[in-house]
Amino acid sequence: MSAALAGVTALVLAAPPPVAAAPRTGAVTVQPFATTATRQQASPTPPPPRLPRDFRGKGKWIVRDLDIEVPFTWEGRDGDSQMTAGGPQYPIWFTNLIYHDTLYTLTYKWPGLTEHPCSRIPGFSLEALNQGFENARFVGPETLRRTPQRRVNHWRVGVVLPQLPPGNHPRLPLALGDIYVDERDPGTFWQVLQFGVQNLYDPELDEWLVMDTFEHRPGTVTLPRRCEPPR
């Protein structure tokens, strides 16, 4: 699978209970573009993140160690969804899709990358993604100190291998991440940090998506020409 998988698609790999999806490790330091302040939790654990069937949003894709920040869109229509970061005029450009129950990843541009295949993984759907989110661990309520400030619930998901009981065992954080959803609506995503092998193209293995807008109305999802249609 392509290493430039966007936040949510990586999270999906975490369907197994102990660890689930794309968020990062526990001790995450949030960079200035998205500083957070933890608020006192005043209620029971809220419902976990859940990507809606129809939505559209715009923001930024950030690869901090490469000093790269490019435009980012994330859209969904009738259960299909598509992430697009950058474009022909930017140093990185890739798209990830859940399209007709198939997961696609196509990286057009990335520093040092010479091969650009369209990876295709059948049998992956919005329902599978949301099932993975159900295993997320609630970190707590926070405030994203941007303009405007946003009150969010912070969740952590990930895939750790091998899955072993507590104790002194070697473990590999295959795919870890942090998801920040609106405190009043777990279907509104404001920020995702992903870290792990799914970010293999990046030397530090970590990438951010930061949303400026997120609307609950149908977006546009288009399978790239170089990707094989679902069978």
Protein backbone atom coordinates (compact mmCIF):
# COMPACT_ATOMS: atom_id res chain seq x y z
CA MET A 1 0.00 0.00 0.00
CA SER A 2 1.22 3.52 -0.70
CA ALA A 3 2.91 5.11 2.30
CA ALA A 4 1.28 8.51 1.90
CA LEU A 5 -2.04 7.23 3.18
CA ALA A 6 -4.09 10.06 4.57
CA GLY A 7 -5.23 10.15 8.17
CA VAL A 8 -8.48 8.32 8.04
CA THR A 9 -7.56 5.59 5.60
CA ALA A 10 -4.69 4.59 7.88
CA LEU A 11 -6.96 4.43 10.87
CA VAL A 12 -8.92 1.73 9.19
CA LEU A 13 -6.17 -0.79 9.61
CA ALA A 14 -6.86 -0.74 13.32
CA ALA A 15 -10.05 -2.74 13.28
CA PRO A 16 -8.68 -5.27 15.83
CA PRO A 17 -9.79 -4.27 19.35
CA PRO A 18 -6.63 -3.44 21.32
CA VAL A 19 -5.56 -0.78 18.87
CA ALA A 20 -7.45 0.65 16.01
CA ALA A 21 -6.64 3.05 13.16
CA ALA A 22 -4.35 5.89 12.29
CA PRO A 23 -3.83 8.27 15.27
CA ARG A 24 -0.39 8.64 16.83
CA THR A 25 1.36 7.80 20.03
CA GLY A 26 0.28 8.94 23.46
CA ALA A 27 2.73 11.78 24.06
CA VAL A 28 1.90 13.97 21.11
CA THR A 29 3.21 17.53 21.05
CA VAL A 30 0.85 19.62 18.97
CA GLN A 31 2.58 22.17 16.75
CA PRO A 32 1.79 25.93 16.75
CA PHE A 33 -0.63 25.66 13.85
CA ALA A 34 -2.95 23.60 16.05
CA THR A 35 -2.13 24.13 19.69
CA THR A 36 -4.48 22.47 22.10
CA ALA A 37 -5.42 23.03 25.70
CA THR A 38 -7.01 20.21 27.66
CA ARG A 39 -10.30 21.05 29.34
CA GLN A 40 -11.71 19.36 32.39
CA GLN A 41 -13.93 16.46 31.38
CA ALA A 42 -17.42 17.17 32.70
CA SER A 43 -19.39 14.29 31.19
CA PRO A 44 -19.15 10.54 30.47
CA THR A 45 -17.20 9.29 27.48
CA PRO A 46 -18.79 10.73 24.32
CA PRO A 47 -19.54 8.64 21.20
CA PRO A 48 -16.45 7.88 19.08
CA PRO A 49 -15.65 9.52 15.73
CA ARG A 50 -17.86 8.49 12.83
CA LEU A 51 -17.28 9.65 9.27
CA PRO A 52 -20.62 10.62 7.65
CA ARG A 53 -21.84 9.43 4.26
CA ASP A 54 -22.05 12.96 2.84
CA PHE A 55 -19.69 15.83 3.67
CA ARG A 56 -17.20 18.31 2.23
CA GLY A 57 -14.32 20.22 3.77
CA LYS A 58 -11.16 22.17 3.02
CA GLY A 59 -7.97 22.68 4.93
CA LYS A 60 -4.23 21.95 4.87
CA TRP A 61 -2.04 18.87 4.65
CA ILE A 62 1.13 19.42 6.68
CA VAL A 63 4.40 17.49 6.63
CA ARG A 64 6.31 19.37 9.30
CA ASP A 65 9.76 17.79 8.95
CA LEU A 66 9.79 18.52 5.19
CA ASP A 67 8.48 22.04 5.79
CA ILE A 68 5.61 21.32 3.40
CA GLU A 69 2.06 22.68 3.73
CA VAL A 70 -0.36 22.26 0.83
CA PRO A 71 -4.11 22.71 0.25
CA PHE A 72 -6.26 19.75 1.24
CA THR A 73 -9.82 18.70 0.46
CA TRP A 74 -11.87 15.88 1.95
CA GLU A 75 -15.25 15.03 0.49
CA GLY A 76 -17.85 12.29 0.75
CA ARG A 77 -20.88 11.30 -1.28
CA ASP A 78 -23.26 8.41 -0.56
CA GLY A 79 -20.66 6.49 1.44
CA ASP A 80 -17.73 7.03 -0.94
CA SER A 81 -15.04 9.52 0.13
CA GLN A 82 -11.90 11.16 -1.24
CA MET A 83 -8.93 13.00 0.21
CA THR A 84 -6.74 15.14 -2.05
CA ALA A 85 -3.58 16.91 -0.90
CA GLY A 86 -1.59 19.37 -3.01
CA GLY A 87 -1.66 19.42 -6.81
CA PRO A 88 0.59 19.60 -9.89
CA GLN A 89 2.11 22.91 -8.77
CA TYR A 90 2.96 21.70 -5.23
CA PRO A 91 5.85 19.54 -3.92
CA ILE A 92 3.42 16.78 -2.91
CA TRP A 93 0.21 15.63 -4.54
CA PHE A 94 -1.79 12.53 -3.70
CA THR A 95 -5.35 11.27 -3.39
CA ASN A 96 -6.94 8.55 -1.25
CA LEU A 97 -10.41 7.16 -1.89
CA ILE A 98 -12.96 4.80 -0.49
CA TYR A 99 -14.81 4.09 -3.73
CA HIS A 100 -17.45 1.38 -4.18
CA ASP A 101 -16.17 -0.58 -1.16
CA THR A 102 -12.57 -0.40 -2.38
CA LEU A 103 -9.65 1.55 -0.89
CA TYR A 104 -7.44 3.39 -3.41
CA THR A 105 -4.21 5.35 -2.92
CA LEU A 106 -2.46 7.23 -5.71
CA THR A 107 0.59 9.45 -5.07
CA TYR A 108 1.33 11.69 -8.05
CA LYS A 109 4.22 13.61 -6.45
CA TRP A 110 6.39 13.17 -3.36
CA PRO A 111 10.04 14.14 -2.75
CA GLY A 112 12.31 11.28 -3.81
CA LEU A 113 9.47 9.16 -5.22
CA THR A 114 9.92 7.72 -8.73
CA GLU A 115 7.11 5.15 -8.92
CA HIS A 116 3.46 6.20 -8.92
CA PRO A 117 1.19 3.15 -8.91
CA CYS A 118 -2.46 3.29 -7.92
CA SER A 119 -2.88 0.80 -5.09
CA ARG A 120 -6.24 -0.95 -4.81
CA ILE A 121 -7.50 -2.86 -1.79
CA PRO A 122 -10.96 -4.39 -2.28
CA GLY A 123 -13.39 -5.09 0.53
CA PHE A 124 -12.94 -1.79 2.34
CA SER A 125 -15.94 0.44 3.03
CA LEU A 126 -17.13 3.39 5.09
CA GLU A 127 -18.70 0.89 7.47
CA ALA A 128 -15.33 -0.82 7.97
CA LEU A 129 -13.69 2.53 8.69
CA ASN A 130 -16.30 3.50 11.27
CA GLN A 131 -16.08 0.08 12.84
CA GLY A 132 -12.37 0.73 13.35
CA PHE A 133 -13.16 4.08 14.97
CA GLU A 134 -15.32 2.29 17.54
CA ASN A 135 -12.12 0.96 19.12
CA ALA A 136 -10.64 4.45 19.56
CA ARG A 137 -9.59 5.54 23.05
CA PHE A 138 -10.96 8.80 24.44
CA VAL A 139 -8.17 11.18 25.50
CA GLY A 140 -10.37 14.05 26.65
CA PRO A 141 -12.02 17.35 25.65
CA GLU A 142 -9.70 20.01 24.27
CA THR A 143 -9.71 23.40 22.58
CA LEU A 144 -7.90 23.87 19.27
CA ARG A 145 -6.36 27.33 19.52
CA ARG A 146 -6.78 28.45 15.97
CA THR A 147 -9.00 31.06 14.34
CA PRO A 148 -11.71 30.37 15.19
CA GLN A 149 -11.03 28.31 18.29
CA ARG A 150 -12.77 24.94 18.23
CA ARG A 151 -13.91 22.80 21.15
CA VAL A 152 -13.18 19.19 20.31
CA ASN A 153 -13.01 15.69 21.68
CA HIS A 154 -9.59 14.10 21.27
CA TRP A 155 -9.44 10.38 20.37
CA ARG A 156 -6.48 8.05 19.88
CA VAL A 157 -6.40 5.00 17.64
CA GLY A 158 -3.66 2.77 16.34
CA VAL A 159 -2.31 -0.60 15.33
CA VAL A 160 0.39 -2.11 17.53
CA LEU A 161 2.01 -5.43 16.58
CA PRO A 162 2.26 -8.02 17.92
CA GLN A 163 -0.83 -7.86 20.13
CA LEU A 164 0.44 -9.11 23.47
CA PRO A 165 -0.73 -8.81 27.09
CA PRO A 166 0.67 -6.09 29.40
CA GLY A 167 4.29 -6.59 30.34
CA ASN A 168 7.81 -6.29 28.98
CA HIS A 169 7.23 -7.34 25.37
CA PRO A 170 8.71 -5.90 22.14
CA ARG A 171 5.97 -3.96 20.30
CA LEU A 172 5.90 -2.09 16.99
CA PRO A 173 3.59 0.95 16.58
CA LEU A 174 2.56 0.14 13.02
CA ALA A 175 -0.04 2.91 12.63
CA LEU A 176 -0.89 5.42 15.35
CA GLY A 177 -2.81 8.65 15.34
CA ASP A 178 -4.93 11.29 17.04
CA ILE A 179 -8.34 12.44 15.84
CA TYR A 180 -10.05 15.65 16.92
CA VAL A 181 -13.81 15.84 16.29
CA ASP A 182 -16.31 18.53 17.20
CA GLU A 183 -17.45 18.12 20.81
CA ARG A 184 -21.10 18.34 19.74
CA ASP A 185 -20.83 16.18 16.63
CA PRO A 186 -18.48 13.17 16.33
CA GLY A 187 -19.09 13.26 12.58
CA THR A 188 -17.33 16.62 12.15
CA PHE A 189 -13.55 16.15 11.84
CA TRP A 190 -11.28 19.14 12.54
CA GLN A 191 -7.82 17.62 12.79
CA VAL A 192 -5.98 14.32 12.38
CA LEU A 193 -2.37 13.45 13.16
CA GLN A 194 -1.14 10.14 11.80
CA PHE A 195 2.15 8.42 12.56
CA GLY A 196 3.65 5.11 11.59
CA VAL A 197 4.61 2.84 8.72
CA GLN A 198 1.68 4.10 6.61
CA ASN A 199 3.68 7.37 6.31
CA LEU A 200 6.73 5.59 4.95
CA TYR A 201 7.49 8.28 2.34
CA ASP A 202 8.10 10.83 5.13
CA PRO A 203 11.44 10.56 7.02
CA GLU A 204 9.77 11.23 10.39
CA LEU A 205 6.70 9.08 9.61
CA ASP A 206 4.20 11.75 10.66
CA GLU A 207 1.69 13.90 8.76
CA TRP A 208 -1.16 16.25 9.74
CA LEU A 209 -4.47 17.16 8.20
CA VAL A 210 -6.07 20.33 9.56
CA MET A 211 -9.56 21.31 8.41
CA ASP A 212 -10.70 24.92 8.04
CA THR A 213 -14.24 23.97 6.99
CA PHE A 214 -16.35 20.82 7.34
CA GLU A 215 -19.92 20.81 6.01
CA HIS A 216 -22.52 18.06 6.10
CA ARG A 217 -23.59 18.19 2.48
CA PRO A 218 -22.58 15.92 -0.43
CA GLY A 219 -19.16 16.45 -1.95
CA THR A 220 -17.52 15.18 -5.15
CA VAL A 221 -15.71 11.83 -5.39
CA THR A 222 -13.86 10.97 -8.62
CA LEU A 223 -11.82 7.84 -9.30
CA PRO A 224 -8.57 8.83 -11.11
CA ARG A 225 -8.21 7.51 -14.66
CA ARG A 226 -5.06 5.54 -13.85
CA CYS A 227 -6.88 3.58 -11.12
CA GLU A 228 -8.61 0.32 -12.06
CA PRO A 229 -12.40 0.47 -11.49
CA PRO A 230 -13.85 -1.83 -8.81
CA ARG A 231 -14.72 -5.32 -10.01
